[in-house]
Amino acid sequence: MDNNLRVSGLDLIGDVPWGTHLCQFYRTRDDMLQLLLPYFKAGLENNEFCMWVTSDPLTVEDAENALRDVVPDFDLKKQNGQVEVVPHTEWYMLGGYFDLDRVFDGWKAKLAGALEKGFEGLRATGNTAWLEENDWVSFTEYEEELERIIGDYQMMAICTYAVDKCSATEVIDVVSNHQFAVIERDGKLEIIQSTERKKAREAIKRTEERYRRLIENIHDAVIVTDADFSITGWNNAAESIYGYSAEEAQGWYVGELLQTTFPNGDTRESTRESLSRDGHLRVEVGQRRKNGTVVPIDAIVIELKDPGGALEGYVSVNRDITARKEAEESMRKLSDELLRANSELDGYARAVSHDLRGPLSAAALANEMLRDELSNPDLEKLRKEVDEATGVVNRNIERCDNLVGDLLTLAEAGQSPVKVSDVNVTEVVQDILTEKCALLQESGCRVLFDDDLGRVRANAIQIYQLFSNLMSNAIRHNDSSEPVVEVRLLGAGESGPLRYLVRDNGSGIPEEYLDDIFRPFFKRGDSSDTGMGLPIAKKVVETYGGEIRVFNDGGACFEFTIFDA
């Protein structure tokens, strides 16, 4: 049941909100009891204060005896102050006359006392059989005013009228001043309404249904709370976003249920101050789902006030901004990557400019020497000088060609492989050793490797580049008197990556170089290589989803992982 509704006790009416104001046209006392007894029984069972103002044909004693028949513990409830039955002479006609203001003040005082005692509200009835013709106008004004304001209070009322004492005009007056009227026909209670009120209620119902469908079908969570932030409303999207059903969320303090956090420097206190000052608030928060995960939320909170301006509660429209946050994070990473790439590109340009300028300058100098020597009449000397000059030119052209080739290899190493196959890594290492035979003889280096280095689904050329560059680096820079290079397979899971180690037994890499070792064009000391071998190896590893690290442990060590393409 909706917590905003009360049990009326009347099957033909069902559950009703506070502020319900209806009338009954009765012919006999039994007609009246047929309506009022279940009405008061429901109120007493649901912790409401009940007050019955009697008049003919029922006395106070008649009313109390009738209630005892349907409420077994009536006397205890009466003793506890939950129910009062008074004659009209002590309420409407106190002092012998009817005073509209006095009666209103009396109802308000009874309601305040009931709430103070812990009751949910006031359920009342008053019989109008005492009305005389000269009191009709003032009592009609009373009913009009009661109908206008009763919705602002936690009370409901049934006003009973003897149908045989009302003229047709008076019946119309009564019906127009109540939300609906109940009358007995053929032994059954029926509801009647004025045409105007019926149309208004139907229009309200249609409007409420449109808003209900709108709220239930939007993709944002709509959470309604009372003034203390306890949840009273929870739409389908809220259930989808947070994982709690409406029944589970009902009555919870919203901040406790969702464990709200404020990531942007706001606090619970500051947001409440802003909400109280402006009547509305927009804030980004983190809120916890039922499964324990935290969802980022863009929340718009608005105060709900009654017609008199008193705060009734809040409605919060909460949007899941997970996708937006992920996009922002992706953009941030992309921006950082672009800045890094631009920085690297600037470094590449400077390094390439430096490395190309050297050989080109040497070639230019050799060319000048050739031009000068061409005027030398000594042919033998001329031939010797030309040979030397052309040798310089050829060597430097080769250096330029190597540099450009390494740049292209670096670019290709980072590309996703188009042609892949099952690559036998052991065979790759053996091919590299054949190629590096002269270098191995020159350096006196021995290469040790596992009999089975595994297989990887990859591009064979890229795997060759990876191992060739790491092994060449280890051979060239191994300063041991008995240089040894090892290639080991450290691990291979069924669905995980292959993990390798390439190490030498030299003095290792100086600590100050470790952070720069994979930077393109970085060279150690006066090395003559292009500084592209290790960056190419790193690019290949990253192309296959792996990672590579360098450290010293009895020599320089390169440990890396690669996944199947």
Protein backbone atom coordinates (compact mmCIF):
# COMPACT_ATOMS: atom_id res chain seq x y z
CA MET A 1 0.00 0.00 0.00
CA ASP A 2 1.13 3.55 -0.73
CA ASN A 3 2.26 5.09 2.60
CA ASN A 4 0.40 8.31 1.63
CA LEU A 5 -2.95 6.47 1.68
CA ARG A 6 -5.07 5.43 4.64
CA VAL A 7 -7.37 2.42 4.97
CA SER A 8 -10.90 3.81 4.77
CA GLY A 9 -12.58 0.59 5.91
CA LEU A 10 -15.17 1.04 3.16
CA ASP A 11 -14.99 -1.39 0.24
CA LEU A 12 -16.72 0.96 -2.19
CA ILE A 13 -14.13 3.69 -1.50
CA GLY A 14 -10.91 1.77 -0.85
CA ASP A 15 -7.74 3.45 0.44
CA VAL A 16 -7.88 7.25 0.61
CA PRO A 17 -5.41 10.05 1.36
CA TRP A 18 -5.49 12.42 4.27
CA GLY A 19 -7.79 15.32 3.40
CA THR A 20 -10.66 13.08 2.27
CA HIS A 21 -14.01 14.81 2.93
CA LEU A 22 -17.24 12.98 2.08
CA CYS A 23 -20.87 12.99 3.14
CA GLN A 24 -23.57 10.38 3.69
CA PHE A 25 -27.30 10.74 3.13
CA TYR A 26 -28.99 8.27 5.48
CA ARG A 27 -32.59 7.29 6.11
CA THR A 28 -32.19 5.20 9.27
CA ARG A 29 -29.68 4.82 12.05
CA ASP A 30 -28.71 1.44 10.55
CA ASP A 31 -27.77 3.20 7.30
CA MET A 32 -25.47 5.43 9.30
CA LEU A 33 -23.90 2.58 11.29
CA GLN A 34 -23.36 0.55 8.12
CA LEU A 35 -20.93 3.27 6.97
CA LEU A 36 -19.45 4.62 10.22
CA LEU A 37 -18.61 1.41 12.09
CA PRO A 38 -16.13 -0.02 9.54
CA TYR A 39 -14.83 3.53 9.00
CA PHE A 40 -13.92 3.97 12.68
CA LYS A 41 -12.77 0.35 13.11
CA ALA A 42 -10.15 0.88 10.38
CA GLY A 43 -9.00 4.13 11.98
CA LEU A 44 -8.58 2.60 15.45
CA GLU A 45 -6.67 -0.36 13.99
CA ASN A 46 -4.27 1.98 12.16
CA ASN A 47 -3.28 4.22 15.08
CA GLU A 48 -5.56 7.15 14.25
CA PHE A 49 -7.39 9.35 16.73
CA CYS A 50 -11.14 8.98 16.15
CA MET A 51 -13.86 11.48 17.10
CA TRP A 52 -17.63 11.01 16.68
CA VAL A 53 -19.99 13.96 17.15
CA THR A 54 -23.47 12.45 17.62
CA SER A 55 -26.99 13.72 17.15
CA ASP A 56 -30.40 12.09 16.74
CA PRO A 57 -31.03 9.26 16.01
CA LEU A 58 -27.84 8.12 17.86
CA THR A 59 -26.86 9.06 21.39
CA VAL A 60 -23.33 8.91 22.77
CA GLU A 61 -24.19 5.65 24.51
CA ASP A 62 -25.63 4.16 21.28
CA ALA A 63 -22.49 5.04 19.34
CA GLU A 64 -20.13 3.64 21.98
CA ASN A 65 -22.08 0.39 22.30
CA ALA A 66 -22.07 -0.04 18.52
CA LEU A 67 -18.29 0.49 18.44
CA ARG A 68 -17.79 -2.09 21.22
CA ASP A 69 -19.47 -4.68 19.02
CA VAL A 70 -16.84 -4.24 16.25
CA VAL A 71 -13.77 -3.14 18.27
CA PRO A 72 -13.13 -5.67 21.07
CA ASP A 73 -10.68 -3.42 22.96
CA PHE A 74 -12.77 -0.26 22.54
CA ASP A 75 -12.77 0.59 26.26
CA LEU A 76 -8.96 0.32 26.43
CA LYS A 77 -8.61 2.61 23.41
CA LYS A 78 -11.06 5.04 24.97
CA GLN A 79 -9.08 4.97 28.23
CA ASN A 80 -5.87 5.63 26.25
CA GLY A 81 -7.41 8.67 24.60
CA GLN A 82 -7.61 7.26 21.09
CA VAL A 83 -11.36 7.73 20.69
CA GLU A 84 -13.91 10.32 21.81
CA VAL A 85 -17.69 10.32 21.34
CA VAL A 86 -19.39 13.65 22.16
CA PRO A 87 -22.90 15.02 21.61
CA HIS A 88 -23.39 17.87 19.13
CA THR A 89 -24.31 20.14 22.02
CA GLU A 90 -20.71 19.96 23.26
CA TRP A 91 -19.21 20.59 19.86
CA TYR A 92 -21.22 22.29 17.09
CA MET A 93 -23.75 23.96 19.40
CA LEU A 94 -21.56 24.65 22.40
CA GLY A 95 -23.16 27.49 24.35
CA GLY A 96 -26.38 27.07 22.35
CA TYR A 97 -25.16 28.49 19.02
CA PHE A 98 -23.00 27.52 16.04
CA ASP A 99 -19.68 29.36 15.61
CA LEU A 100 -17.69 28.46 12.48
CA ASP A 101 -14.33 29.70 13.80
CA ARG A 102 -14.75 27.96 17.14
CA VAL A 103 -15.46 24.61 15.45
CA PHE A 104 -12.45 24.97 13.13
CA ASP A 105 -10.18 25.82 16.05
CA GLY A 106 -11.57 22.81 17.91
CA TRP A 107 -10.70 20.41 15.08
CA LYS A 108 -7.19 21.86 14.78
CA ALA A 109 -6.64 21.52 18.53
CA LYS A 110 -7.84 17.90 18.49
CA LEU A 111 -5.49 17.11 15.59
CA ALA A 112 -2.52 18.76 17.31
CA GLY A 113 -3.21 16.79 20.49
CA ALA A 114 -3.51 13.54 18.56
CA LEU A 115 -0.20 14.07 16.77
CA GLU A 116 1.50 14.97 20.03
CA LYS A 117 0.32 11.67 21.52
CA GLY A 118 1.82 9.76 18.60
CA PHE A 119 -1.32 9.09 16.56
CA GLU A 120 -1.13 9.24 12.77
CA GLY A 121 -3.89 11.81 12.37
CA LEU A 122 -7.57 12.56 13.00
CA ARG A 123 -10.57 10.59 11.67
CA ALA A 124 -13.89 12.30 12.40
CA THR A 125 -17.61 12.27 11.74
CA GLY A 126 -20.37 14.69 12.64
CA ASN A 127 -24.12 14.23 12.33
CA THR A 128 -26.11 17.28 11.20
CA ALA A 129 -29.59 16.23 12.34
CA TRP A 130 -29.51 19.15 14.81
CA LEU A 131 -29.35 21.71 11.96
CA GLU A 132 -32.22 24.17 11.86
CA GLU A 133 -33.12 26.32 8.87
CA ASN A 134 -31.56 29.44 10.37
CA ASP A 135 -28.20 27.61 10.81
CA TRP A 136 -28.10 26.19 7.26
CA VAL A 137 -26.31 29.09 5.56
CA SER A 138 -23.54 29.36 8.17
CA PHE A 139 -23.07 25.59 8.24
CA THR A 140 -22.85 25.51 4.43
CA GLU A 141 -20.09 28.13 4.67
CA TYR A 142 -18.38 25.91 7.24
CA GLU A 143 -18.54 22.92 4.86
CA GLU A 144 -17.17 25.03 1.99
CA GLU A 145 -14.21 26.17 4.08
CA LEU A 146 -13.59 22.68 5.46
CA GLU A 147 -13.53 21.28 1.90
CA ARG A 148 -11.03 23.99 0.92
CA ILE A 149 -8.53 23.47 3.73
CA ILE A 150 -8.87 19.85 4.85
CA GLY A 151 -6.27 18.74 2.32
CA ASP A 152 -3.63 20.66 4.31
CA TYR A 153 -4.13 18.50 7.40
CA GLN A 154 -3.71 14.88 8.48
CA MET A 155 -7.41 14.38 8.91
CA MET A 156 -10.46 12.99 7.12
CA ALA A 157 -14.16 13.50 7.79
CA ILE A 158 -17.59 12.06 7.01
CA CYS A 159 -20.53 14.42 7.45
CA THR A 160 -23.88 12.63 7.82
CA TYR A 161 -27.17 14.18 6.67
CA ALA A 162 -30.72 12.87 7.15
CA VAL A 163 -32.01 12.72 3.56
CA ASP A 164 -35.64 13.30 4.57
CA LYS A 165 -34.66 16.61 6.20
CA CYS A 166 -32.85 17.98 3.10
CA SER A 167 -34.53 19.74 0.21
CA ALA A 168 -33.33 19.22 -3.34
CA THR A 169 -31.42 22.50 -3.21
CA GLU A 170 -29.79 21.53 0.08
CA VAL A 171 -28.75 18.13 -1.32
CA ILE A 172 -27.03 19.95 -4.21
CA ASP A 173 -25.29 22.26 -1.72
CA VAL A 174 -24.07 19.31 0.34
CA VAL A 175 -22.78 17.32 -2.66
CA SER A 176 -20.97 20.36 -4.09
CA ASN A 177 -19.08 20.86 -0.79
CA HIS A 178 -17.81 17.28 -0.53
CA GLN A 179 -15.51 15.19 -2.65
CA PHE A 180 -18.28 12.63 -3.03
CA ALA A 181 -21.46 11.48 -1.31
CA VAL A 182 -22.64 8.05 -0.15
CA ILE A 183 -26.30 7.00 -0.19
CA GLU A 184 -28.11 3.72 0.49
CA ARG A 185 -30.09 2.26 -2.41
CA ASP A 186 -31.81 -1.11 -2.30
CA GLY A 187 -29.79 -2.10 0.76
CA LYS A 188 -26.43 -1.17 -0.83
CA LEU A 189 -24.20 1.85 -0.36
CA GLU A 190 -23.48 3.81 -3.55
CA ILE A 191 -21.31 6.81 -4.40
CA ILE A 192 -22.73 9.86 -6.16
CA GLN A 193 -20.87 12.91 -7.43
CA SER A 194 -21.76 16.26 -8.93
CA THR A 195 -21.11 16.45 -12.68
CA GLU A 196 -18.63 19.30 -12.22
CA ARG A 197 -16.66 17.49 -9.52
CA LYS A 198 -16.71 14.24 -11.44
CA LYS A 199 -15.26 15.93 -14.54
CA ALA A 200 -12.60 17.63 -12.43
CA ARG A 201 -11.60 14.40 -10.74
CA GLU A 202 -11.44 12.60 -14.09
CA ALA A 203 -9.24 15.38 -15.50
CA ILE A 204 -6.97 15.16 -12.45
CA LYS A 205 -6.84 11.40 -12.79
CA ARG A 206 -5.88 11.65 -16.46
CA THR A 207 -3.17 14.20 -15.65
CA GLU A 208 -1.82 12.06 -12.82
CA GLU A 209 -1.76 9.02 -15.10
CA ARG A 210 0.15 10.94 -17.77
CA TYR A 211 2.73 12.08 -15.21
CA ARG A 212 2.94 8.59 -13.74
CA ARG A 213 3.64 7.07 -17.16
CA LEU A 214 6.17 9.81 -17.89
CA ILE A 215 8.04 9.22 -14.62
CA GLU A 216 7.96 5.45 -14.97
CA ASN A 217 9.27 5.47 -18.53
CA ILE A 218 12.05 8.07 -18.47
CA HIS A 219 15.62 6.76 -18.30
CA ASP A 220 16.61 8.93 -15.32
CA ALA A 221 15.99 7.82 -11.74
CA VAL A 222 13.23 9.85 -10.05
CA ILE A 223 13.41 9.68 -6.26
CA VAL A 224 10.81 11.41 -4.07
CA THR A 225 11.48 11.97 -0.36
CA ASP A 226 9.77 13.62 2.55
CA ALA A 227 11.23 16.69 4.27
CA ASP A 228 13.66 14.44 6.20
CA PHE A 229 14.98 12.83 2.98
CA SER A 230 13.22 9.52 3.65
CA ILE A 231 12.25 7.85 0.37
CA THR A 232 8.55 7.86 -0.57
CA GLY A 233 8.78 7.46 -4.35
CA TRP A 234 11.08 5.34 -6.57
CA ASN A 235 10.58 4.85 -10.32
CA ASN A 236 11.58 1.99 -12.64
CA ALA A 237 14.79 3.73 -13.74
CA ALA A 238 15.87 4.09 -10.09
CA GLU A 239 15.42 0.35 -9.68
CA SER A 240 17.46 -0.27 -12.84
CA ILE A 241 20.30 2.09 -11.88
CA TYR A 242 20.64 1.20 -8.19
CA GLY A 243 19.33 -2.38 -8.06
CA TYR A 244 16.80 -1.79 -5.25
CA SER A 245 13.09 -2.37 -5.82
CA ALA A 246 10.61 0.32 -4.79
CA GLU A 247 9.58 -1.82 -1.83
CA GLU A 248 13.19 -2.19 -0.67
CA ALA A 249 13.90 1.54 -0.99
CA GLN A 250 10.69 2.74 0.65
CA GLY A 251 11.26 4.59 3.93
CA TRP A 252 15.08 4.61 3.78
CA TYR A 253 17.04 7.78 4.37
CA VAL A 254 18.36 8.35 0.85
CA GLY A 255 21.91 9.21 1.92
CA GLU A 256 22.16 6.05 4.00
CA LEU A 257 20.72 3.71 1.39
CA LEU A 258 22.90 5.03 -1.45
CA GLN A 259 25.98 6.01 0.62
CA THR A 260 26.19 9.34 -1.22
CA THR A 261 29.65 10.89 -1.61
CA PHE A 262 30.66 14.27 -3.01
CA PRO A 263 33.77 13.94 -5.23
CA ASN A 264 33.98 17.58 -6.37
CA GLY A 265 34.60 19.24 -3.02
CA ASP A 266 30.94 19.66 -2.03
CA THR A 267 29.68 18.41 1.33
CA ARG A 268 26.32 17.23 2.60
CA GLU A 269 26.01 20.43 4.61
CA SER A 270 26.92 22.78 1.74
CA THR A 271 24.48 21.11 -0.66
CA ARG A 272 21.65 21.35 1.86
CA GLU A 273 22.43 25.01 2.44
CA SER A 274 22.27 25.67 -1.31
CA LEU A 275 19.05 23.69 -1.63
CA SER A 276 17.44 25.55 1.26
CA ARG A 277 18.57 28.93 -0.11
CA ASP A 278 17.67 28.45 -3.78
CA GLY A 279 14.95 25.79 -3.66
CA HIS A 280 16.85 23.69 -6.21
CA LEU A 281 20.29 22.18 -6.68
CA ARG A 282 22.41 20.46 -9.31
CA VAL A 283 25.38 18.43 -8.12
CA GLU A 284 27.58 15.51 -9.16
CA VAL A 285 27.75 12.73 -6.57
CA GLY A 286 28.84 9.14 -6.24
CA GLN A 287 26.18 6.66 -5.06
CA ARG A 288 26.45 3.00 -4.17
CA ARG A 289 24.39 0.35 -5.92
CA LYS A 290 22.91 -2.68 -4.20
CA ASN A 291 25.79 -4.79 -5.56
CA GLY A 292 28.35 -2.50 -3.90
CA THR A 293 29.63 -0.73 -7.01
CA VAL A 294 29.64 3.07 -7.11
CA VAL A 295 27.90 4.92 -9.94
CA PRO A 296 28.60 8.57 -10.84
CA ILE A 297 25.37 10.59 -10.79
CA ASP A 298 24.33 14.02 -12.07
CA ALA A 299 21.52 14.95 -9.66
CA ILE A 300 18.94 17.74 -9.94
CA VAL A 301 17.06 18.21 -6.65
CA ILE A 302 13.95 20.39 -6.25
CA GLU A 303 11.96 21.30 -3.14
CA LEU A 304 8.30 20.25 -2.95
CA LYS A 305 6.04 22.68 -1.11
CA ASP A 306 2.35 22.66 -0.24
CA PRO A 307 0.01 25.47 -1.37
CA GLY A 308 0.83 27.37 1.81
CA GLY A 309 4.57 27.30 1.10
CA ALA A 310 5.47 24.73 3.77
CA LEU A 311 8.19 22.23 2.82
CA GLU A 312 6.73 18.78 2.08
CA GLY A 313 9.76 17.02 0.64
CA TYR A 314 12.08 16.78 -2.35
CA VAL A 315 12.20 15.25 -5.79
CA SER A 316 15.56 14.27 -7.25
CA VAL A 317 16.13 13.43 -10.92
CA ASN A 318 19.34 11.38 -11.07
CA ARG A 319 21.19 10.59 -14.30
CA ASP A 320 23.79 7.82 -14.54
CA ILE A 321 26.80 9.54 -16.12
CA THR A 322 29.08 6.51 -16.23
CA ALA A 323 29.36 6.68 -20.03
CA ARG A 324 30.12 10.40 -19.90
CA LYS A 325 32.82 9.92 -17.26
CA GLU A 326 34.37 7.09 -19.26
CA ALA A 327 34.36 9.30 -22.36
CA GLU A 328 35.95 12.15 -20.39
CA GLU A 329 38.62 9.77 -19.06
CA SER A 330 39.26 8.46 -22.58
CA MET A 331 39.59 12.02 -23.85
CA ARG A 332 41.97 12.85 -21.00
CA LYS A 333 44.12 9.82 -21.78
CA LEU A 334 44.02 10.64 -25.48
CA SER A 335 45.03 14.21 -24.75
CA ASP A 336 47.89 13.01 -22.55
CA GLU A 337 48.93 10.54 -25.25
CA LEU A 338 48.86 13.26 -27.90
CA LEU A 339 50.96 15.55 -25.73
CA ARG A 340 53.41 12.70 -25.12
CA ALA A 341 53.44 11.81 -28.82
CA ASN A 342 54.02 15.45 -29.77
CA SER A 343 56.85 15.62 -27.28
CA GLU A 344 58.34 12.40 -28.67
CA LEU A 345 57.87 13.66 -32.22
CA ASP A 346 59.74 16.83 -31.34
CA GLY A 347 62.50 14.70 -29.82
CA TYR A 348 62.53 12.43 -32.88
CA ALA A 349 62.82 15.41 -35.22
CA ARG A 350 65.72 16.85 -33.28
CA ALA A 351 67.48 13.49 -33.05
CA VAL A 352 66.93 12.64 -36.72
CA SER A 353 68.12 16.12 -37.70
CA HIS A 354 71.27 15.63 -35.63
CA ASP A 355 71.95 12.09 -36.83
CA LEU A 356 71.35 12.91 -40.49
CA ARG A 357 73.30 16.17 -40.40
CA GLY A 358 76.50 14.38 -39.32
CA PRO A 359 76.76 11.95 -42.25
CA LEU A 360 75.51 14.52 -44.73
CA SER A 361 78.12 17.03 -43.55
CA ALA A 362 80.83 14.36 -43.94
CA ALA A 363 79.59 13.54 -47.43
CA ALA A 364 79.57 17.23 -48.33
CA LEU A 365 83.11 17.63 -47.05
CA ALA A 366 84.23 14.61 -49.11
CA ASN A 367 82.57 16.14 -52.14
CA GLU A 368 84.55 19.39 -51.63
CA MET A 369 87.74 17.38 -51.35
CA LEU A 370 86.95 15.64 -54.64
CA ARG A 371 86.38 18.96 -56.41
CA ASP A 372 89.66 20.34 -55.09
CA GLU A 373 91.62 17.24 -56.07
CA LEU A 374 90.31 17.20 -59.60
CA SER A 375 92.69 20.07 -60.38
CA ASN A 376 95.68 17.99 -59.20
CA PRO A 377 97.81 16.88 -62.21
CA ASP A 378 99.25 13.94 -60.22
CA LEU A 379 96.91 11.15 -61.43
CA GLU A 380 98.09 8.56 -58.90
CA LYS A 381 97.54 10.89 -56.00
CA LEU A 382 94.21 11.97 -57.51
CA ARG A 383 93.06 8.34 -57.75
CA LYS A 384 93.98 7.74 -54.11
CA GLU A 385 92.15 10.86 -52.91
CA VAL A 386 89.05 10.00 -54.97
CA ASP A 387 88.95 6.49 -53.48
CA GLU A 388 89.14 7.91 -49.96
CA ALA A 389 86.47 10.53 -50.65
CA THR A 390 84.06 8.10 -52.27
CA GLY A 391 84.58 5.73 -49.35
CA VAL A 392 83.54 8.50 -46.94
CA VAL A 393 80.50 9.28 -49.05
CA ASN A 394 79.46 5.61 -49.25
CA ARG A 395 79.86 5.04 -45.51
CA ASN A 396 77.76 8.08 -44.65
CA ILE A 397 75.11 7.25 -47.22
CA GLU A 398 74.93 3.83 -45.56
CA ARG A 399 74.52 5.48 -42.15
CA CYS A 400 71.65 7.62 -43.48
CA ASP A 401 70.06 4.56 -45.06
CA ASN A 402 70.31 2.62 -41.80
CA LEU A 403 68.74 5.48 -39.88
CA VAL A 404 65.81 5.83 -42.29
CA GLY A 405 65.39 2.05 -42.31
CA ASP A 406 65.23 1.94 -38.52
CA LEU A 407 62.65 4.75 -38.51
CA LEU A 408 60.44 2.78 -40.89
CA THR A 409 60.90 -0.36 -38.81
CA LEU A 410 59.87 1.53 -35.66
CA ALA A 411 56.71 2.76 -37.40
CA GLU A 412 55.87 -0.72 -38.68
CA ALA A 413 56.60 -2.35 -35.32
CA GLY A 414 53.64 -0.50 -33.77
CA GLN A 415 51.18 -1.58 -36.45
CA SER A 416 48.71 -4.42 -35.91
CA PRO A 417 49.97 -7.47 -37.84
CA VAL A 418 48.13 -8.31 -41.04
CA LYS A 419 49.76 -11.68 -41.72
CA VAL A 420 50.07 -13.99 -38.69
CA SER A 421 51.08 -17.61 -38.22
CA ASP A 422 52.31 -19.99 -35.52
CA VAL A 423 55.88 -18.80 -34.97
CA ASN A 424 58.41 -21.21 -33.47
CA VAL A 425 60.49 -18.91 -31.25
CA THR A 426 63.34 -21.44 -30.96
CA GLU A 427 63.79 -21.41 -34.75
CA VAL A 428 63.68 -17.58 -34.73
CA VAL A 429 66.54 -17.46 -32.21
CA GLN A 430 68.55 -19.99 -34.23
CA ASP A 431 68.10 -17.87 -37.40
CA ILE A 432 69.27 -14.78 -35.51
CA LEU A 433 72.41 -16.58 -34.33
CA THR A 434 73.18 -17.57 -37.92
CA GLU A 435 72.81 -13.95 -39.01
CA LYS A 436 74.92 -12.66 -36.10
CA CYS A 437 77.69 -15.22 -36.62
CA ALA A 438 80.34 -12.60 -37.48
CA LEU A 439 79.33 -10.41 -34.53
CA LEU A 440 79.52 -13.38 -32.17
CA GLN A 441 82.97 -14.37 -33.41
CA GLU A 442 84.20 -10.79 -33.11
CA SER A 443 82.89 -10.38 -29.57
CA GLY A 444 83.64 -13.94 -28.38
CA CYS A 445 80.13 -14.06 -26.90
CA ARG A 446 78.28 -17.33 -26.21
CA VAL A 447 74.47 -17.45 -26.49
CA LEU A 448 72.53 -19.91 -24.33
CA PHE A 449 68.84 -20.58 -24.90
CA ASP A 450 66.16 -23.07 -23.85
CA ASP A 451 65.58 -26.07 -26.09
CA ASP A 452 61.90 -25.12 -26.33
CA LEU A 453 61.12 -21.40 -26.36
CA GLY A 454 57.46 -21.96 -27.19
CA ARG A 455 55.26 -20.87 -30.06
CA VAL A 456 53.31 -17.66 -30.50
CA ARG A 457 50.67 -16.73 -33.04
CA ALA A 458 52.11 -13.56 -34.53
CA ASN A 459 53.79 -11.94 -37.49
CA ALA A 460 57.11 -13.75 -37.99
CA ILE A 461 59.00 -10.60 -39.04
CA GLN A 462 57.94 -8.69 -35.93
CA ILE A 463 58.96 -11.54 -33.61
CA TYR A 464 62.30 -11.70 -35.40
CA GLN A 465 62.76 -7.93 -34.90
CA LEU A 466 61.92 -8.26 -31.19
CA PHE A 467 64.45 -10.99 -30.36
CA SER A 468 67.08 -9.75 -32.82
CA ASN A 469 67.22 -6.27 -31.32
CA LEU A 470 67.31 -7.52 -27.72
CA MET A 471 70.00 -10.12 -28.45
CA SER A 472 72.11 -7.68 -30.54
CA ASN A 473 71.95 -5.15 -27.72
CA ALA A 474 73.03 -7.77 -25.18
CA ILE A 475 75.94 -8.95 -27.38
CA ARG A 476 77.24 -5.46 -28.28
CA HIS A 477 77.12 -4.00 -24.78
CA ASN A 478 78.33 -7.01 -22.81
CA ASP A 479 81.64 -5.90 -21.28
CA SER A 480 82.40 -9.18 -19.50
CA SER A 481 85.76 -10.85 -20.20
CA GLU A 482 83.77 -14.02 -20.94
CA PRO A 483 80.53 -12.64 -22.38
CA VAL A 484 77.41 -14.79 -22.22
CA VAL A 485 73.84 -13.96 -23.37
CA GLU A 486 70.84 -16.04 -22.24
CA VAL A 487 67.36 -16.30 -23.80
CA ARG A 488 64.89 -18.01 -21.47
CA LEU A 489 61.18 -18.86 -21.52
CA LEU A 490 59.98 -18.05 -17.98
CA GLY A 491 56.39 -19.10 -18.30
CA ALA A 492 53.55 -19.92 -20.68
CA GLY A 493 49.94 -20.32 -19.52
CA GLU A 494 47.19 -21.93 -21.58
CA SER A 495 45.37 -18.63 -22.06
CA GLY A 496 47.96 -16.25 -20.66
CA PRO A 497 50.98 -14.59 -22.25
CA LEU A 498 54.41 -16.04 -22.96
CA ARG A 499 57.03 -14.53 -20.60
CA TYR A 500 60.66 -14.26 -21.70
CA LEU A 501 63.99 -13.06 -20.30
CA VAL A 502 66.99 -11.88 -22.35
CA ARG A 503 70.00 -11.20 -20.13
CA ASP A 504 73.78 -10.79 -20.29
CA ASN A 505 76.55 -11.17 -17.71
CA GLY A 506 78.12 -7.74 -18.16
CA SER A 507 78.28 -4.84 -15.75
CA GLY A 508 74.67 -3.85 -16.48
CA ILE A 509 73.09 -0.58 -17.50
CA PRO A 510 73.94 2.56 -15.49
CA GLU A 511 71.03 3.48 -13.24
CA GLU A 512 70.73 6.94 -14.79
CA TYR A 513 70.02 5.36 -18.19
CA LEU A 514 67.26 2.93 -17.14
CA ASP A 515 64.39 5.40 -17.56
CA ASP A 516 65.52 6.46 -21.05
CA ILE A 517 66.62 3.13 -22.47
CA PHE A 518 63.47 2.69 -24.63
CA ARG A 519 63.41 6.29 -25.90
CA PRO A 520 64.02 6.49 -29.66
CA PHE A 521 67.55 7.64 -30.63
CA PHE A 522 68.83 7.22 -27.09
CA LYS A 523 72.44 6.03 -27.15
CA ARG A 524 74.77 4.93 -24.37
CA GLY A 525 78.14 6.70 -24.44
CA ASP A 526 79.71 6.96 -27.88
CA SER A 527 77.74 4.07 -29.38
CA SER A 528 77.65 4.07 -33.18
CA ASP A 529 74.21 2.47 -33.50
CA THR A 530 71.07 4.49 -34.33
CA GLY A 531 69.45 4.11 -30.90
CA MET A 532 66.34 2.50 -32.42
CA GLY A 533 66.76 -1.19 -31.56
CA LEU A 534 65.23 -1.17 -28.07
CA PRO A 535 62.35 1.21 -29.00
CA ILE A 536 61.49 -1.20 -31.86
CA ALA A 537 61.49 -4.13 -29.39
CA LYS A 538 59.18 -2.23 -27.03
CA LYS A 539 56.79 -1.36 -29.87
CA VAL A 540 56.53 -5.01 -30.90
CA VAL A 541 55.83 -6.11 -27.30
CA GLU A 542 53.06 -3.50 -26.94
CA THR A 543 51.58 -4.49 -30.32
CA TYR A 544 50.96 -7.96 -28.86
CA GLY A 545 49.43 -6.62 -25.64
CA GLY A 546 52.49 -7.24 -23.50
CA GLU A 547 54.83 -5.27 -21.27
CA ILE A 548 58.61 -5.01 -21.11
CA ARG A 549 60.88 -3.94 -18.26
CA VAL A 550 64.61 -3.50 -17.84
CA PHE A 551 66.63 -4.09 -14.68
CA ASN A 552 70.09 -5.15 -13.52
CA ASP A 553 70.65 -8.53 -11.92
CA GLY A 554 74.15 -9.86 -12.58
CA GLY A 555 73.99 -8.01 -15.89
CA ALA A 556 71.39 -6.20 -17.99
CA CYS A 557 68.01 -8.01 -17.97
CA PHE A 558 65.04 -7.48 -20.30
CA GLU A 559 61.88 -9.29 -19.19
CA PHE A 560 58.76 -9.11 -21.38
CA THR A 561 55.43 -10.73 -22.16
CA ILE A 562 53.58 -11.24 -25.44
CA PHE A 563 50.09 -12.55 -26.19
CA ASP A 564 48.87 -14.39 -29.28
CA ALA A 565 47.56 -12.04 -31.96
